[in-house]
Amino acid sequence: MVVQGLPVSGCLPLTMYLAPENDRDDIGCVKSVNDRTHAHNAALLAKISDLRKRFPDSVIVYADYWNAYHLVMKTPAKYGFKEPFKACCGTGDPYHYNPFATCGTPSTDLCPRPSEYINWDGVHLTEAMYKVIADMFLNGRYSQPPFSYLLGKKQRGG
């Protein structure tokens, strides 16, 4: 079973739009929201640890969405992103997001290069960001135990 943690929800254009400007963390996202999300993930990890002890024959993979997403937000250019905070589809400044004119309504427009954006519509990520996160889960170190370990175990007949 794969259990996915929550992402850094304070980085979504929706959250940035709604929060006061003085509520920001070291990566420019909404601190109060990210603090709560981080606390949720810590409680989730503790529960997963308990379940692993109670059911040692089961495989519970934790997909660390928080740290994967956080790493991308710290170094977006490394992953090809030029717009970490703006929505690709939307309208308005400063986040190209307006809750009263969401993606698909007549007053919105699309960015010219969605692959350079992390956020699609202020709430969902772009295909490019989902690909980066999926690669971090499947081929990186953002799943515990790593998928490579599980695949090797399966190939050995375990």
Protein backbone atom coordinates (compact mmCIF):
# COMPACT_ATOMS: atom_id res chain seq x y z
CA MET A 1 0.00 0.00 0.00
CA VAL A 2 1.24 3.49 -0.82
CA VAL A 3 0.36 6.32 1.55
CA GLN A 4 1.07 9.77 0.18
CA GLY A 5 1.84 12.67 2.48
CA LEU A 6 0.47 16.13 1.82
CA PRO A 7 2.45 18.59 -0.31
CA VAL A 8 3.58 22.06 0.74
CA SER A 9 0.02 23.40 0.41
CA GLY A 10 1.15 26.89 1.35
CA CYS A 11 2.80 27.21 -2.07
CA LEU A 12 -0.40 26.95 -4.09
CA PRO A 13 -1.55 30.19 -5.76
CA LEU A 14 -4.94 29.78 -4.04
CA THR A 15 -3.28 29.77 -0.62
CA MET A 16 -0.89 32.59 -1.52
CA TYR A 17 -3.82 34.68 -2.78
CA LEU A 18 -5.82 34.22 0.44
CA ALA A 19 -3.03 34.63 3.02
CA PRO A 20 -1.59 37.92 4.24
CA GLU A 21 1.74 38.95 2.74
CA ASN A 22 3.51 38.79 6.12
CA ASP A 23 2.78 35.05 6.51
CA ARG A 24 5.64 33.60 4.44
CA ASP A 25 8.33 30.99 5.08
CA ASP A 26 11.91 30.61 3.84
CA ILE A 27 10.80 29.54 0.35
CA GLY A 28 8.20 32.30 -0.03
CA CYS A 29 5.13 30.17 0.70
CA VAL A 30 2.43 30.60 3.35
CA LYS A 31 4.12 29.63 6.62
CA SER A 32 1.01 28.98 8.73
CA VAL A 33 -0.42 26.55 6.17
CA ASN A 34 2.90 24.78 5.60
CA ASP A 35 3.39 24.42 9.35
CA ARG A 36 0.02 22.67 9.69
CA THR A 37 0.67 20.47 6.66
CA HIS A 38 4.08 19.50 8.04
CA ALA A 39 2.50 18.61 11.41
CA HIS A 40 -0.13 16.48 9.63
CA ASN A 41 2.58 14.57 7.78
CA ALA A 42 4.51 13.96 11.02
CA ALA A 43 1.37 12.47 12.61
CA LEU A 44 0.77 10.40 9.48
CA LEU A 45 4.33 9.03 9.58
CA ALA A 46 3.90 8.09 13.24
CA LYS A 47 0.70 6.19 12.40
CA ILE A 48 2.42 4.42 9.48
CA SER A 49 5.24 3.39 11.83
CA ASP A 50 2.69 1.95 14.25
CA LEU A 51 0.97 0.05 11.45
CA ARG A 52 4.27 -1.36 10.20
CA LYS A 53 4.96 -2.70 13.70
CA ARG A 54 1.49 -4.18 14.07
CA PHE A 55 1.53 -5.73 10.59
CA PRO A 56 5.17 -6.63 9.83
CA ASP A 57 4.30 -8.76 6.79
CA SER A 58 2.58 -5.91 4.98
CA VAL A 59 4.35 -3.34 2.86
CA ILE A 60 3.40 0.27 3.52
CA VAL A 61 5.26 2.78 1.37
CA TYR A 62 5.26 6.42 2.40
CA ALA A 63 5.42 8.79 -0.59
CA ASP A 64 7.07 11.91 0.83
CA TYR A 65 5.22 14.55 -1.19
CA TRP A 66 6.20 17.30 1.27
CA ASN A 67 9.98 17.00 0.91
CA ALA A 68 9.89 16.29 -2.83
CA TYR A 69 7.74 19.36 -3.52
CA HIS A 70 9.75 21.46 -1.04
CA LEU A 71 13.01 20.61 -2.84
CA VAL A 72 11.54 21.71 -6.16
CA MET A 73 10.33 24.97 -4.61
CA LYS A 74 13.80 25.66 -3.19
CA THR A 75 15.48 25.17 -6.59
CA PRO A 76 12.78 25.44 -9.29
CA ALA A 77 15.20 26.29 -12.12
CA LYS A 78 17.05 23.01 -11.54
CA TYR A 79 13.85 21.25 -12.62
CA GLY A 80 13.11 23.59 -15.53
CA PHE A 81 10.53 25.78 -13.79
CA LYS A 82 10.55 29.55 -14.29
CA GLU A 83 7.25 30.32 -12.52
CA PRO A 84 7.02 28.60 -9.13
CA PHE A 85 4.15 30.70 -7.75
CA LYS A 86 1.98 31.74 -10.70
CA ALA A 87 -0.80 29.60 -12.16
CA CYS A 88 -0.51 28.80 -15.86
CA CYS A 89 -4.26 29.02 -16.44
CA GLY A 90 -5.96 31.95 -14.77
CA THR A 91 -6.07 35.71 -14.48
CA GLY A 92 -4.95 38.49 -12.16
CA ASP A 93 -1.86 39.55 -10.29
CA PRO A 94 0.35 38.62 -8.62
CA TYR A 95 -0.31 34.86 -8.91
CA HIS A 96 -2.35 34.72 -12.14
CA TYR A 97 -5.13 33.39 -9.94
CA ASN A 98 -8.53 34.73 -8.99
CA PRO A 99 -11.07 32.55 -7.14
CA PHE A 100 -13.90 34.40 -8.92
CA ALA A 101 -12.44 33.76 -12.39
CA THR A 102 -10.99 30.27 -12.33
CA CYS A 103 -9.37 28.42 -15.19
CA GLY A 104 -11.82 27.88 -18.04
CA THR A 105 -13.94 30.96 -17.49
CA PRO A 106 -14.01 33.58 -20.29
CA SER A 107 -11.70 36.08 -18.57
CA THR A 108 -8.81 33.63 -18.10
CA ASP A 109 -5.86 32.90 -20.33
CA LEU A 110 -3.16 30.27 -20.63
CA CYS A 111 0.56 30.65 -20.24
CA PRO A 112 2.61 30.08 -23.41
CA ARG A 113 4.81 27.31 -21.91
CA PRO A 114 3.03 25.20 -19.25
CA SER A 115 6.15 23.07 -18.72
CA GLU A 116 7.82 26.11 -17.11
CA TYR A 117 5.08 26.40 -14.46
CA ILE A 118 4.59 24.35 -11.30
CA ASN A 119 0.91 25.28 -10.90
CA TRP A 120 -1.75 24.69 -13.51
CA ASP A 121 -4.85 26.48 -12.19
CA GLY A 122 -3.99 27.65 -8.68
CA VAL A 123 -4.98 24.36 -7.05
CA HIS A 124 -3.58 21.60 -9.29
CA LEU A 125 -0.04 21.10 -10.52
CA THR A 126 1.06 21.06 -14.14
CA GLU A 127 1.85 17.85 -15.97
CA ALA A 128 5.54 18.83 -15.82
CA MET A 129 5.47 19.11 -12.02
CA TYR A 130 3.58 15.83 -11.64
CA LYS A 131 6.26 14.15 -13.77
CA VAL A 132 9.03 15.55 -11.56
CA ILE A 133 7.28 14.43 -8.37
CA ALA A 134 6.48 10.97 -9.78
CA ASP A 135 10.13 10.51 -10.78
CA MET A 136 11.21 11.53 -7.28
CA PHE A 137 8.86 8.89 -5.83
CA LEU A 138 9.72 6.09 -8.25
CA ASN A 139 13.42 6.67 -8.91
CA GLY A 140 14.56 8.97 -6.15
CA ARG A 141 14.68 8.93 -2.41
CA TYR A 142 11.22 10.30 -1.70
CA SER A 143 9.50 7.04 -0.89
CA GLN A 144 10.20 4.86 2.12
CA PRO A 145 10.99 2.11 1.47
CA PRO A 146 12.28 3.04 -2.00
CA PHE A 147 10.47 1.55 -4.98
CA SER A 148 13.81 0.17 -6.22
CA TYR A 149 14.04 -1.89 -3.02
CA LEU A 150 10.49 -3.21 -3.49
CA LEU A 151 11.14 -4.06 -7.14
CA GLY A 152 14.37 -5.89 -6.22
CA LYS A 153 12.57 -7.79 -3.50
CA LYS A 154 9.84 -8.81 -5.94
CA GLN A 155 12.41 -9.93 -8.52
CA ARG A 156 14.12 -12.08 -5.87
CA GLY A 157 10.80 -13.74 -5.21
CA GLY A 158 9.97 -11.93 -1.98
